[in-house]
PDBML (XML) file of the C-alpha atoms, coordinates in Angstrom:
<?xml version="1.0" encoding="UTF-8" ?>
<PDBx:datablock datablockName="MODEL"
   xmlns:PDBx="http://pdbml.pdb.org/schema/pdbx-v50.xsd"
   xmlns:xsi="http://www.w3.org/2001/XMLSchema-instance"
   xsi:schemaLocation="http://pdbml.pdb.org/schema/pdbx-v50.xsd pdbx-v50.xsd">
   <PDBx:atom_siteCategory>
      <PDBx:atom_site id="1">
         <PDBx:B_iso_or_equiv>0.00</PDBx:B_iso_or_equiv>
         <PDBx:Cartn_x>-7.527</PDBx:Cartn_x>
         <PDBx:Cartn_y>-2.080</PDBx:Cartn_y>
         <PDBx:Cartn_z>-0.710</PDBx:Cartn_z>
         <PDBx:auth_asym_id>A</PDBx:auth_asym_id>
         <PDBx:auth_atom_id>CA</PDBx:auth_atom_id>
         <PDBx:auth_comp_id>ALA</PDBx:auth_comp_id>
         <PDBx:auth_seq_id>1</PDBx:auth_seq_id>
         <PDBx:group_PDB>ATOM</PDBx:group_PDB>
         <PDBx:label_alt_id xsi:nil="true" />
         <PDBx:label_asym_id>A</PDBx:label_asym_id>
         <PDBx:label_atom_id>CA</PDBx:label_atom_id>
         <PDBx:label_comp_id>ALA</PDBx:label_comp_id>
         <PDBx:label_entity_id>1</PDBx:label_entity_id>
         <PDBx:label_seq_id>1</PDBx:label_seq_id>
         <PDBx:occupancy>1.00</PDBx:occupancy>
         <PDBx:pdbx_PDB_model_num>1</PDBx:pdbx_PDB_model_num>
         <PDBx:type_symbol>C</PDBx:type_symbol>
      </PDBx:atom_site>
      <PDBx:atom_site id="2">
         <PDBx:B_iso_or_equiv>0.00</PDBx:B_iso_or_equiv>
         <PDBx:Cartn_x>-5.596</PDBx:Cartn_x>
         <PDBx:Cartn_y>0.818</PDBx:Cartn_y>
         <PDBx:Cartn_z>0.873</PDBx:Cartn_z>
         <PDBx:auth_asym_id>A</PDBx:auth_asym_id>
         <PDBx:auth_atom_id>CA</PDBx:auth_atom_id>
         <PDBx:auth_comp_id>ARG</PDBx:auth_comp_id>
         <PDBx:auth_seq_id>2</PDBx:auth_seq_id>
         <PDBx:group_PDB>ATOM</PDBx:group_PDB>
         <PDBx:label_alt_id xsi:nil="true" />
         <PDBx:label_asym_id>A</PDBx:label_asym_id>
         <PDBx:label_atom_id>CA</PDBx:label_atom_id>
         <PDBx:label_comp_id>ARG</PDBx:label_comp_id>
         <PDBx:label_entity_id>1</PDBx:label_entity_id>
         <PDBx:label_seq_id>2</PDBx:label_seq_id>
         <PDBx:occupancy>1.00</PDBx:occupancy>
         <PDBx:pdbx_PDB_model_num>1</PDBx:pdbx_PDB_model_num>
         <PDBx:type_symbol>C</PDBx:type_symbol>
      </PDBx:atom_site>
      <PDBx:atom_site id="3">
         <PDBx:B_iso_or_equiv>0.00</PDBx:B_iso_or_equiv>
         <PDBx:Cartn_x>-6.654</PDBx:Cartn_x>
         <PDBx:Cartn_y>-0.144</PDBx:Cartn_y>
         <PDBx:Cartn_z>4.362</PDBx:Cartn_z>
         <PDBx:auth_asym_id>A</PDBx:auth_asym_id>
         <PDBx:auth_atom_id>CA</PDBx:auth_atom_id>
         <PDBx:auth_comp_id>VAL</PDBx:auth_comp_id>
         <PDBx:auth_seq_id>3</PDBx:auth_seq_id>
         <PDBx:group_PDB>ATOM</PDBx:group_PDB>
         <PDBx:label_alt_id xsi:nil="true" />
         <PDBx:label_asym_id>A</PDBx:label_asym_id>
         <PDBx:label_atom_id>CA</PDBx:label_atom_id>
         <PDBx:label_comp_id>VAL</PDBx:label_comp_id>
         <PDBx:label_entity_id>1</PDBx:label_entity_id>
         <PDBx:label_seq_id>3</PDBx:label_seq_id>
         <PDBx:occupancy>1.00</PDBx:occupancy>
         <PDBx:pdbx_PDB_model_num>1</PDBx:pdbx_PDB_model_num>
         <PDBx:type_symbol>C</PDBx:type_symbol>
      </PDBx:atom_site>
      <PDBx:atom_site id="4">
         <PDBx:B_iso_or_equiv>0.00</PDBx:B_iso_or_equiv>
         <PDBx:Cartn_x>-5.308</PDBx:Cartn_x>
         <PDBx:Cartn_y>-3.631</PDBx:Cartn_y>
         <PDBx:Cartn_z>3.752</PDBx:Cartn_z>
         <PDBx:auth_asym_id>A</PDBx:auth_asym_id>
         <PDBx:auth_atom_id>CA</PDBx:auth_atom_id>
         <PDBx:auth_comp_id>GLU</PDBx:auth_comp_id>
         <PDBx:auth_seq_id>4</PDBx:auth_seq_id>
         <PDBx:group_PDB>ATOM</PDBx:group_PDB>
         <PDBx:label_alt_id xsi:nil="true" />
         <PDBx:label_asym_id>A</PDBx:label_asym_id>
         <PDBx:label_atom_id>CA</PDBx:label_atom_id>
         <PDBx:label_comp_id>GLU</PDBx:label_comp_id>
         <PDBx:label_entity_id>1</PDBx:label_entity_id>
         <PDBx:label_seq_id>4</PDBx:label_seq_id>
         <PDBx:occupancy>1.00</PDBx:occupancy>
         <PDBx:pdbx_PDB_model_num>1</PDBx:pdbx_PDB_model_num>
         <PDBx:type_symbol>C</PDBx:type_symbol>
      </PDBx:atom_site>
      <PDBx:atom_site id="5">
         <PDBx:B_iso_or_equiv>0.00</PDBx:B_iso_or_equiv>
         <PDBx:Cartn_x>-1.911</PDBx:Cartn_x>
         <PDBx:Cartn_y>-2.153</PDBx:Cartn_y>
         <PDBx:Cartn_z>2.910</PDBx:Cartn_z>
         <PDBx:auth_asym_id>A</PDBx:auth_asym_id>
         <PDBx:auth_atom_id>CA</PDBx:auth_atom_id>
         <PDBx:auth_comp_id>VAL</PDBx:auth_comp_id>
         <PDBx:auth_seq_id>5</PDBx:auth_seq_id>
         <PDBx:group_PDB>ATOM</PDBx:group_PDB>
         <PDBx:label_alt_id xsi:nil="true" />
         <PDBx:label_asym_id>A</PDBx:label_asym_id>
         <PDBx:label_atom_id>CA</PDBx:label_atom_id>
         <PDBx:label_comp_id>VAL</PDBx:label_comp_id>
         <PDBx:label_entity_id>1</PDBx:label_entity_id>
         <PDBx:label_seq_id>5</PDBx:label_seq_id>
         <PDBx:occupancy>1.00</PDBx:occupancy>
         <PDBx:pdbx_PDB_model_num>1</PDBx:pdbx_PDB_model_num>
         <PDBx:type_symbol>C</PDBx:type_symbol>
      </PDBx:atom_site>
      <PDBx:atom_site id="6">
         <PDBx:B_iso_or_equiv>0.00</PDBx:B_iso_or_equiv>
         <PDBx:Cartn_x>-1.877</PDBx:Cartn_x>
         <PDBx:Cartn_y>0.080</PDBx:Cartn_y>
         <PDBx:Cartn_z>5.965</PDBx:Cartn_z>
         <PDBx:auth_asym_id>A</PDBx:auth_asym_id>
         <PDBx:auth_atom_id>CA</PDBx:auth_atom_id>
         <PDBx:auth_comp_id>ILE</PDBx:auth_comp_id>
         <PDBx:auth_seq_id>6</PDBx:auth_seq_id>
         <PDBx:group_PDB>ATOM</PDBx:group_PDB>
         <PDBx:label_alt_id xsi:nil="true" />
         <PDBx:label_asym_id>A</PDBx:label_asym_id>
         <PDBx:label_atom_id>CA</PDBx:label_atom_id>
         <PDBx:label_comp_id>ILE</PDBx:label_comp_id>
         <PDBx:label_entity_id>1</PDBx:label_entity_id>
         <PDBx:label_seq_id>6</PDBx:label_seq_id>
         <PDBx:occupancy>1.00</PDBx:occupancy>
         <PDBx:pdbx_PDB_model_num>1</PDBx:pdbx_PDB_model_num>
         <PDBx:type_symbol>C</PDBx:type_symbol>
      </PDBx:atom_site>
      <PDBx:atom_site id="7">
         <PDBx:B_iso_or_equiv>0.00</PDBx:B_iso_or_equiv>
         <PDBx:Cartn_x>-2.831</PDBx:Cartn_x>
         <PDBx:Cartn_y>-2.743</PDBx:Cartn_y>
         <PDBx:Cartn_z>8.305</PDBx:Cartn_z>
         <PDBx:auth_asym_id>A</PDBx:auth_asym_id>
         <PDBx:auth_atom_id>CA</PDBx:auth_atom_id>
         <PDBx:auth_comp_id>LYS</PDBx:auth_comp_id>
         <PDBx:auth_seq_id>7</PDBx:auth_seq_id>
         <PDBx:group_PDB>ATOM</PDBx:group_PDB>
         <PDBx:label_alt_id xsi:nil="true" />
         <PDBx:label_asym_id>A</PDBx:label_asym_id>
         <PDBx:label_atom_id>CA</PDBx:label_atom_id>
         <PDBx:label_comp_id>LYS</PDBx:label_comp_id>
         <PDBx:label_entity_id>1</PDBx:label_entity_id>
         <PDBx:label_seq_id>7</PDBx:label_seq_id>
         <PDBx:occupancy>1.00</PDBx:occupancy>
         <PDBx:pdbx_PDB_model_num>1</PDBx:pdbx_PDB_model_num>
         <PDBx:type_symbol>C</PDBx:type_symbol>
      </PDBx:atom_site>
      <PDBx:atom_site id="8">
         <PDBx:B_iso_or_equiv>0.00</PDBx:B_iso_or_equiv>
         <PDBx:Cartn_x>-0.363</PDBx:Cartn_x>
         <PDBx:Cartn_y>-5.252</PDBx:Cartn_y>
         <PDBx:Cartn_z>6.874</PDBx:Cartn_z>
         <PDBx:auth_asym_id>A</PDBx:auth_asym_id>
         <PDBx:auth_atom_id>CA</PDBx:auth_atom_id>
         <PDBx:auth_comp_id>ASN</PDBx:auth_comp_id>
         <PDBx:auth_seq_id>8</PDBx:auth_seq_id>
         <PDBx:group_PDB>ATOM</PDBx:group_PDB>
         <PDBx:label_alt_id xsi:nil="true" />
         <PDBx:label_asym_id>A</PDBx:label_asym_id>
         <PDBx:label_atom_id>CA</PDBx:label_atom_id>
         <PDBx:label_comp_id>ASN</PDBx:label_comp_id>
         <PDBx:label_entity_id>1</PDBx:label_entity_id>
         <PDBx:label_seq_id>8</PDBx:label_seq_id>
         <PDBx:occupancy>1.00</PDBx:occupancy>
         <PDBx:pdbx_PDB_model_num>1</PDBx:pdbx_PDB_model_num>
         <PDBx:type_symbol>C</PDBx:type_symbol>
      </PDBx:atom_site>
      <PDBx:atom_site id="9">
         <PDBx:B_iso_or_equiv>0.00</PDBx:B_iso_or_equiv>
         <PDBx:Cartn_x>2.626</PDBx:Cartn_x>
         <PDBx:Cartn_y>-5.865</PDBx:Cartn_y>
         <PDBx:Cartn_z>9.194</PDBx:Cartn_z>
         <PDBx:auth_asym_id>A</PDBx:auth_asym_id>
         <PDBx:auth_atom_id>CA</PDBx:auth_atom_id>
         <PDBx:auth_comp_id>MET</PDBx:auth_comp_id>
         <PDBx:auth_seq_id>9</PDBx:auth_seq_id>
         <PDBx:group_PDB>ATOM</PDBx:group_PDB>
         <PDBx:label_alt_id xsi:nil="true" />
         <PDBx:label_asym_id>A</PDBx:label_asym_id>
         <PDBx:label_atom_id>CA</PDBx:label_atom_id>
         <PDBx:label_comp_id>MET</PDBx:label_comp_id>
         <PDBx:label_entity_id>1</PDBx:label_entity_id>
         <PDBx:label_seq_id>9</PDBx:label_seq_id>
         <PDBx:occupancy>1.00</PDBx:occupancy>
         <PDBx:pdbx_PDB_model_num>1</PDBx:pdbx_PDB_model_num>
         <PDBx:type_symbol>C</PDBx:type_symbol>
      </PDBx:atom_site>
      <PDBx:atom_site id="10">
         <PDBx:B_iso_or_equiv>0.00</PDBx:B_iso_or_equiv>
         <PDBx:Cartn_x>4.320</PDBx:Cartn_x>
         <PDBx:Cartn_y>-8.657</PDBx:Cartn_y>
         <PDBx:Cartn_z>7.178</PDBx:Cartn_z>
         <PDBx:auth_asym_id>A</PDBx:auth_asym_id>
         <PDBx:auth_atom_id>CA</PDBx:auth_atom_id>
         <PDBx:auth_comp_id>ASP</PDBx:auth_comp_id>
         <PDBx:auth_seq_id>10</PDBx:auth_seq_id>
         <PDBx:group_PDB>ATOM</PDBx:group_PDB>
         <PDBx:label_alt_id xsi:nil="true" />
         <PDBx:label_asym_id>A</PDBx:label_asym_id>
         <PDBx:label_atom_id>CA</PDBx:label_atom_id>
         <PDBx:label_comp_id>ASP</PDBx:label_comp_id>
         <PDBx:label_entity_id>1</PDBx:label_entity_id>
         <PDBx:label_seq_id>10</PDBx:label_seq_id>
         <PDBx:occupancy>1.00</PDBx:occupancy>
         <PDBx:pdbx_PDB_model_num>1</PDBx:pdbx_PDB_model_num>
         <PDBx:type_symbol>C</PDBx:type_symbol>
      </PDBx:atom_site>
      <PDBx:atom_site id="11">
         <PDBx:B_iso_or_equiv>0.00</PDBx:B_iso_or_equiv>
         <PDBx:Cartn_x>7.350</PDBx:Cartn_x>
         <PDBx:Cartn_y>-8.489</PDBx:Cartn_y>
         <PDBx:Cartn_z>4.929</PDBx:Cartn_z>
         <PDBx:auth_asym_id>A</PDBx:auth_asym_id>
         <PDBx:auth_atom_id>CA</PDBx:auth_atom_id>
         <PDBx:auth_comp_id>SER</PDBx:auth_comp_id>
         <PDBx:auth_seq_id>11</PDBx:auth_seq_id>
         <PDBx:group_PDB>ATOM</PDBx:group_PDB>
         <PDBx:label_alt_id xsi:nil="true" />
         <PDBx:label_asym_id>A</PDBx:label_asym_id>
         <PDBx:label_atom_id>CA</PDBx:label_atom_id>
         <PDBx:label_comp_id>SER</PDBx:label_comp_id>
         <PDBx:label_entity_id>1</PDBx:label_entity_id>
         <PDBx:label_seq_id>11</PDBx:label_seq_id>
         <PDBx:occupancy>1.00</PDBx:occupancy>
         <PDBx:pdbx_PDB_model_num>1</PDBx:pdbx_PDB_model_num>
         <PDBx:type_symbol>C</PDBx:type_symbol>
      </PDBx:atom_site>
      <PDBx:atom_site id="12">
         <PDBx:B_iso_or_equiv>0.00</PDBx:B_iso_or_equiv>
         <PDBx:Cartn_x>5.543</PDBx:Cartn_x>
         <PDBx:Cartn_y>-7.854</PDBx:Cartn_y>
         <PDBx:Cartn_z>1.656</PDBx:Cartn_z>
         <PDBx:auth_asym_id>A</PDBx:auth_asym_id>
         <PDBx:auth_atom_id>CA</PDBx:auth_atom_id>
         <PDBx:auth_comp_id>VAL</PDBx:auth_comp_id>
         <PDBx:auth_seq_id>12</PDBx:auth_seq_id>
         <PDBx:group_PDB>ATOM</PDBx:group_PDB>
         <PDBx:label_alt_id xsi:nil="true" />
         <PDBx:label_asym_id>A</PDBx:label_asym_id>
         <PDBx:label_atom_id>CA</PDBx:label_atom_id>
         <PDBx:label_comp_id>VAL</PDBx:label_comp_id>
         <PDBx:label_entity_id>1</PDBx:label_entity_id>
         <PDBx:label_seq_id>12</PDBx:label_seq_id>
         <PDBx:occupancy>1.00</PDBx:occupancy>
         <PDBx:pdbx_PDB_model_num>1</PDBx:pdbx_PDB_model_num>
         <PDBx:type_symbol>C</PDBx:type_symbol>
      </PDBx:atom_site>
      <PDBx:atom_site id="13">
         <PDBx:B_iso_or_equiv>0.00</PDBx:B_iso_or_equiv>
         <PDBx:Cartn_x>5.899</PDBx:Cartn_x>
         <PDBx:Cartn_y>-5.453</PDBx:Cartn_y>
         <PDBx:Cartn_z>-1.252</PDBx:Cartn_z>
         <PDBx:auth_asym_id>A</PDBx:auth_asym_id>
         <PDBx:auth_atom_id>CA</PDBx:auth_atom_id>
         <PDBx:auth_comp_id>ASP</PDBx:auth_comp_id>
         <PDBx:auth_seq_id>13</PDBx:auth_seq_id>
         <PDBx:group_PDB>ATOM</PDBx:group_PDB>
         <PDBx:label_alt_id xsi:nil="true" />
         <PDBx:label_asym_id>A</PDBx:label_asym_id>
         <PDBx:label_atom_id>CA</PDBx:label_atom_id>
         <PDBx:label_comp_id>ASP</PDBx:label_comp_id>
         <PDBx:label_entity_id>1</PDBx:label_entity_id>
         <PDBx:label_seq_id>13</PDBx:label_seq_id>
         <PDBx:occupancy>1.00</PDBx:occupancy>
         <PDBx:pdbx_PDB_model_num>1</PDBx:pdbx_PDB_model_num>
         <PDBx:type_symbol>C</PDBx:type_symbol>
      </PDBx:atom_site>
      <PDBx:atom_site id="14">
         <PDBx:B_iso_or_equiv>0.00</PDBx:B_iso_or_equiv>
         <PDBx:Cartn_x>3.249</PDBx:Cartn_x>
         <PDBx:Cartn_y>-3.054</PDBx:Cartn_y>
         <PDBx:Cartn_z>-2.553</PDBx:Cartn_z>
         <PDBx:auth_asym_id>A</PDBx:auth_asym_id>
         <PDBx:auth_atom_id>CA</PDBx:auth_atom_id>
         <PDBx:auth_comp_id>ILE</PDBx:auth_comp_id>
         <PDBx:auth_seq_id>14</PDBx:auth_seq_id>
         <PDBx:group_PDB>ATOM</PDBx:group_PDB>
         <PDBx:label_alt_id xsi:nil="true" />
         <PDBx:label_asym_id>A</PDBx:label_asym_id>
         <PDBx:label_atom_id>CA</PDBx:label_atom_id>
         <PDBx:label_comp_id>ILE</PDBx:label_comp_id>
         <PDBx:label_entity_id>1</PDBx:label_entity_id>
         <PDBx:label_seq_id>14</PDBx:label_seq_id>
         <PDBx:occupancy>1.00</PDBx:occupancy>
         <PDBx:pdbx_PDB_model_num>1</PDBx:pdbx_PDB_model_num>
         <PDBx:type_symbol>C</PDBx:type_symbol>
      </PDBx:atom_site>
      <PDBx:atom_site id="15">
         <PDBx:B_iso_or_equiv>0.00</PDBx:B_iso_or_equiv>
         <PDBx:Cartn_x>2.971</PDBx:Cartn_x>
         <PDBx:Cartn_y>-2.654</PDBx:Cartn_y>
         <PDBx:Cartn_z>-6.350</PDBx:Cartn_z>
         <PDBx:auth_asym_id>A</PDBx:auth_asym_id>
         <PDBx:auth_atom_id>CA</PDBx:auth_atom_id>
         <PDBx:auth_comp_id>GLN</PDBx:auth_comp_id>
         <PDBx:auth_seq_id>15</PDBx:auth_seq_id>
         <PDBx:group_PDB>ATOM</PDBx:group_PDB>
         <PDBx:label_alt_id xsi:nil="true" />
         <PDBx:label_asym_id>A</PDBx:label_asym_id>
         <PDBx:label_atom_id>CA</PDBx:label_atom_id>
         <PDBx:label_comp_id>GLN</PDBx:label_comp_id>
         <PDBx:label_entity_id>1</PDBx:label_entity_id>
         <PDBx:label_seq_id>15</PDBx:label_seq_id>
         <PDBx:occupancy>1.00</PDBx:occupancy>
         <PDBx:pdbx_PDB_model_num>1</PDBx:pdbx_PDB_model_num>
         <PDBx:type_symbol>C</PDBx:type_symbol>
      </PDBx:atom_site>
      <PDBx:atom_site id="16">
         <PDBx:B_iso_or_equiv>0.00</PDBx:B_iso_or_equiv>
         <PDBx:Cartn_x>1.206</PDBx:Cartn_x>
         <PDBx:Cartn_y>0.678</PDBx:Cartn_y>
         <PDBx:Cartn_z>-6.680</PDBx:Cartn_z>
         <PDBx:auth_asym_id>A</PDBx:auth_asym_id>
         <PDBx:auth_atom_id>CA</PDBx:auth_atom_id>
         <PDBx:auth_comp_id>ALA</PDBx:auth_comp_id>
         <PDBx:auth_seq_id>16</PDBx:auth_seq_id>
         <PDBx:group_PDB>ATOM</PDBx:group_PDB>
         <PDBx:label_alt_id xsi:nil="true" />
         <PDBx:label_asym_id>A</PDBx:label_asym_id>
         <PDBx:label_atom_id>CA</PDBx:label_atom_id>
         <PDBx:label_comp_id>ALA</PDBx:label_comp_id>
         <PDBx:label_entity_id>1</PDBx:label_entity_id>
         <PDBx:label_seq_id>16</PDBx:label_seq_id>
         <PDBx:occupancy>1.00</PDBx:occupancy>
         <PDBx:pdbx_PDB_model_num>1</PDBx:pdbx_PDB_model_num>
         <PDBx:type_symbol>C</PDBx:type_symbol>
      </PDBx:atom_site>
      <PDBx:atom_site id="17">
         <PDBx:B_iso_or_equiv>0.00</PDBx:B_iso_or_equiv>
         <PDBx:Cartn_x>0.265</PDBx:Cartn_x>
         <PDBx:Cartn_y>2.260</PDBx:Cartn_y>
         <PDBx:Cartn_z>-10.038</PDBx:Cartn_z>
         <PDBx:auth_asym_id>A</PDBx:auth_asym_id>
         <PDBx:auth_atom_id>CA</PDBx:auth_atom_id>
         <PDBx:auth_comp_id>PHE</PDBx:auth_comp_id>
         <PDBx:auth_seq_id>17</PDBx:auth_seq_id>
         <PDBx:group_PDB>ATOM</PDBx:group_PDB>
         <PDBx:label_alt_id xsi:nil="true" />
         <PDBx:label_asym_id>A</PDBx:label_asym_id>
         <PDBx:label_atom_id>CA</PDBx:label_atom_id>
         <PDBx:label_comp_id>PHE</PDBx:label_comp_id>
         <PDBx:label_entity_id>1</PDBx:label_entity_id>
         <PDBx:label_seq_id>17</PDBx:label_seq_id>
         <PDBx:occupancy>1.00</PDBx:occupancy>
         <PDBx:pdbx_PDB_model_num>1</PDBx:pdbx_PDB_model_num>
         <PDBx:type_symbol>C</PDBx:type_symbol>
      </PDBx:atom_site>
      <PDBx:atom_site id="18">
         <PDBx:B_iso_or_equiv>0.00</PDBx:B_iso_or_equiv>
         <PDBx:Cartn_x>0.635</PDBx:Cartn_x>
         <PDBx:Cartn_y>5.997</PDBx:Cartn_y>
         <PDBx:Cartn_z>-10.763</PDBx:Cartn_z>
         <PDBx:auth_asym_id>A</PDBx:auth_asym_id>
         <PDBx:auth_atom_id>CA</PDBx:auth_atom_id>
         <PDBx:auth_comp_id>PRO</PDBx:auth_comp_id>
         <PDBx:auth_seq_id>18</PDBx:auth_seq_id>
         <PDBx:group_PDB>ATOM</PDBx:group_PDB>
         <PDBx:label_alt_id xsi:nil="true" />
         <PDBx:label_asym_id>A</PDBx:label_asym_id>
         <PDBx:label_atom_id>CA</PDBx:label_atom_id>
         <PDBx:label_comp_id>PRO</PDBx:label_comp_id>
         <PDBx:label_entity_id>1</PDBx:label_entity_id>
         <PDBx:label_seq_id>18</PDBx:label_seq_id>
         <PDBx:occupancy>1.00</PDBx:occupancy>
         <PDBx:pdbx_PDB_model_num>1</PDBx:pdbx_PDB_model_num>
         <PDBx:type_symbol>C</PDBx:type_symbol>
      </PDBx:atom_site>
      <PDBx:atom_site id="19">
         <PDBx:B_iso_or_equiv>0.00</PDBx:B_iso_or_equiv>
         <PDBx:Cartn_x>-1.894</PDBx:Cartn_x>
         <PDBx:Cartn_y>8.080</PDBx:Cartn_y>
         <PDBx:Cartn_z>-8.819</PDBx:Cartn_z>
         <PDBx:auth_asym_id>A</PDBx:auth_asym_id>
         <PDBx:auth_atom_id>CA</PDBx:auth_atom_id>
         <PDBx:auth_comp_id>GLY</PDBx:auth_comp_id>
         <PDBx:auth_seq_id>19</PDBx:auth_seq_id>
         <PDBx:group_PDB>ATOM</PDBx:group_PDB>
         <PDBx:label_alt_id xsi:nil="true" />
         <PDBx:label_asym_id>A</PDBx:label_asym_id>
         <PDBx:label_atom_id>CA</PDBx:label_atom_id>
         <PDBx:label_comp_id>GLY</PDBx:label_comp_id>
         <PDBx:label_entity_id>1</PDBx:label_entity_id>
         <PDBx:label_seq_id>19</PDBx:label_seq_id>
         <PDBx:occupancy>1.00</PDBx:occupancy>
         <PDBx:pdbx_PDB_model_num>1</PDBx:pdbx_PDB_model_num>
         <PDBx:type_symbol>C</PDBx:type_symbol>
      </PDBx:atom_site>
      <PDBx:atom_site id="20">
         <PDBx:B_iso_or_equiv>0.00</PDBx:B_iso_or_equiv>
         <PDBx:Cartn_x>-2.712</PDBx:Cartn_x>
         <PDBx:Cartn_y>5.304</PDBx:Cartn_y>
         <PDBx:Cartn_z>-6.323</PDBx:Cartn_z>
         <PDBx:auth_asym_id>A</PDBx:auth_asym_id>
         <PDBx:auth_atom_id>CA</PDBx:auth_atom_id>
         <PDBx:auth_comp_id>SER</PDBx:auth_comp_id>
         <PDBx:auth_seq_id>20</PDBx:auth_seq_id>
         <PDBx:group_PDB>ATOM</PDBx:group_PDB>
         <PDBx:label_alt_id xsi:nil="true" />
         <PDBx:label_asym_id>A</PDBx:label_asym_id>
         <PDBx:label_atom_id>CA</PDBx:label_atom_id>
         <PDBx:label_comp_id>SER</PDBx:label_comp_id>
         <PDBx:label_entity_id>1</PDBx:label_entity_id>
         <PDBx:label_seq_id>20</PDBx:label_seq_id>
         <PDBx:occupancy>1.00</PDBx:occupancy>
         <PDBx:pdbx_PDB_model_num>1</PDBx:pdbx_PDB_model_num>
         <PDBx:type_symbol>C</PDBx:type_symbol>
      </PDBx:atom_site>
      <PDBx:atom_site id="21">
         <PDBx:B_iso_or_equiv>0.00</PDBx:B_iso_or_equiv>
         <PDBx:Cartn_x>-1.495</PDBx:Cartn_x>
         <PDBx:Cartn_y>7.428</PDBx:Cartn_y>
         <PDBx:Cartn_z>-3.446</PDBx:Cartn_z>
         <PDBx:auth_asym_id>A</PDBx:auth_asym_id>
         <PDBx:auth_atom_id>CA</PDBx:auth_atom_id>
         <PDBx:auth_comp_id>GLY</PDBx:auth_comp_id>
         <PDBx:auth_seq_id>21</PDBx:auth_seq_id>
         <PDBx:group_PDB>ATOM</PDBx:group_PDB>
         <PDBx:label_alt_id xsi:nil="true" />
         <PDBx:label_asym_id>A</PDBx:label_asym_id>
         <PDBx:label_atom_id>CA</PDBx:label_atom_id>
         <PDBx:label_comp_id>GLY</PDBx:label_comp_id>
         <PDBx:label_entity_id>1</PDBx:label_entity_id>
         <PDBx:label_seq_id>21</PDBx:label_seq_id>
         <PDBx:occupancy>1.00</PDBx:occupancy>
         <PDBx:pdbx_PDB_model_num>1</PDBx:pdbx_PDB_model_num>
         <PDBx:type_symbol>C</PDBx:type_symbol>
      </PDBx:atom_site>
      <PDBx:atom_site id="22">
         <PDBx:B_iso_or_equiv>0.00</PDBx:B_iso_or_equiv>
         <PDBx:Cartn_x>1.235</PDBx:Cartn_x>
         <PDBx:Cartn_y>5.083</PDBx:Cartn_y>
         <PDBx:Cartn_z>-2.244</PDBx:Cartn_z>
         <PDBx:auth_asym_id>A</PDBx:auth_asym_id>
         <PDBx:auth_atom_id>CA</PDBx:auth_atom_id>
         <PDBx:auth_comp_id>LYS</PDBx:auth_comp_id>
         <PDBx:auth_seq_id>22</PDBx:auth_seq_id>
         <PDBx:group_PDB>ATOM</PDBx:group_PDB>
         <PDBx:label_alt_id xsi:nil="true" />
         <PDBx:label_asym_id>A</PDBx:label_asym_id>
         <PDBx:label_atom_id>CA</PDBx:label_atom_id>
         <PDBx:label_comp_id>LYS</PDBx:label_comp_id>
         <PDBx:label_entity_id>1</PDBx:label_entity_id>
         <PDBx:label_seq_id>22</PDBx:label_seq_id>
         <PDBx:occupancy>1.00</PDBx:occupancy>
         <PDBx:pdbx_PDB_model_num>1</PDBx:pdbx_PDB_model_num>
         <PDBx:type_symbol>C</PDBx:type_symbol>
      </PDBx:atom_site>
      <PDBx:atom_site id="23">
         <PDBx:B_iso_or_equiv>0.00</PDBx:B_iso_or_equiv>
         <PDBx:Cartn_x>3.306</PDBx:Cartn_x>
         <PDBx:Cartn_y>7.744</PDBx:Cartn_y>
         <PDBx:Cartn_z>-0.466</PDBx:Cartn_z>
         <PDBx:auth_asym_id>A</PDBx:auth_asym_id>
         <PDBx:auth_atom_id>CA</PDBx:auth_atom_id>
         <PDBx:auth_comp_id>THR</PDBx:auth_comp_id>
         <PDBx:auth_seq_id>23</PDBx:auth_seq_id>
         <PDBx:group_PDB>ATOM</PDBx:group_PDB>
         <PDBx:label_alt_id xsi:nil="true" />
         <PDBx:label_asym_id>A</PDBx:label_asym_id>
         <PDBx:label_atom_id>CA</PDBx:label_atom_id>
         <PDBx:label_comp_id>THR</PDBx:label_comp_id>
         <PDBx:label_entity_id>1</PDBx:label_entity_id>
         <PDBx:label_seq_id>23</PDBx:label_seq_id>
         <PDBx:occupancy>1.00</PDBx:occupancy>
         <PDBx:pdbx_PDB_model_num>1</PDBx:pdbx_PDB_model_num>
         <PDBx:type_symbol>C</PDBx:type_symbol>
      </PDBx:atom_site>
      <PDBx:atom_site id="24">
         <PDBx:B_iso_or_equiv>0.00</PDBx:B_iso_or_equiv>
         <PDBx:Cartn_x>0.174</PDBx:Cartn_x>
         <PDBx:Cartn_y>9.052</PDBx:Cartn_y>
         <PDBx:Cartn_z>1.284</PDBx:Cartn_z>
         <PDBx:auth_asym_id>A</PDBx:auth_asym_id>
         <PDBx:auth_atom_id>CA</PDBx:auth_atom_id>
         <PDBx:auth_comp_id>THR</PDBx:auth_comp_id>
         <PDBx:auth_seq_id>24</PDBx:auth_seq_id>
         <PDBx:group_PDB>ATOM</PDBx:group_PDB>
         <PDBx:label_alt_id xsi:nil="true" />
         <PDBx:label_asym_id>A</PDBx:label_asym_id>
         <PDBx:label_atom_id>CA</PDBx:label_atom_id>
         <PDBx:label_comp_id>THR</PDBx:label_comp_id>
         <PDBx:label_entity_id>1</PDBx:label_entity_id>
         <PDBx:label_seq_id>24</PDBx:label_seq_id>
         <PDBx:occupancy>1.00</PDBx:occupancy>
         <PDBx:pdbx_PDB_model_num>1</PDBx:pdbx_PDB_model_num>
         <PDBx:type_symbol>C</PDBx:type_symbol>
      </PDBx:atom_site>
      <PDBx:atom_site id="25">
         <PDBx:B_iso_or_equiv>0.00</PDBx:B_iso_or_equiv>
         <PDBx:Cartn_x>-0.610</PDBx:Cartn_x>
         <PDBx:Cartn_y>5.502</PDBx:Cartn_y>
         <PDBx:Cartn_z>2.362</PDBx:Cartn_z>
         <PDBx:auth_asym_id>A</PDBx:auth_asym_id>
         <PDBx:auth_atom_id>CA</PDBx:auth_atom_id>
         <PDBx:auth_comp_id>ILE</PDBx:auth_comp_id>
         <PDBx:auth_seq_id>25</PDBx:auth_seq_id>
         <PDBx:group_PDB>ATOM</PDBx:group_PDB>
         <PDBx:label_alt_id xsi:nil="true" />
         <PDBx:label_asym_id>A</PDBx:label_asym_id>
         <PDBx:label_atom_id>CA</PDBx:label_atom_id>
         <PDBx:label_comp_id>ILE</PDBx:label_comp_id>
         <PDBx:label_entity_id>1</PDBx:label_entity_id>
         <PDBx:label_seq_id>25</PDBx:label_seq_id>
         <PDBx:occupancy>1.00</PDBx:occupancy>
         <PDBx:pdbx_PDB_model_num>1</PDBx:pdbx_PDB_model_num>
         <PDBx:type_symbol>C</PDBx:type_symbol>
      </PDBx:atom_site>
   </PDBx:atom_siteCategory>
</PDBx:datablock>
């Protein structure tokens, strides 16, 4: 799931719950 976010190069938002590591991603 996190790899999918990192690879994505489209204009899209990421809804990330607490402790999901969004800033690290």
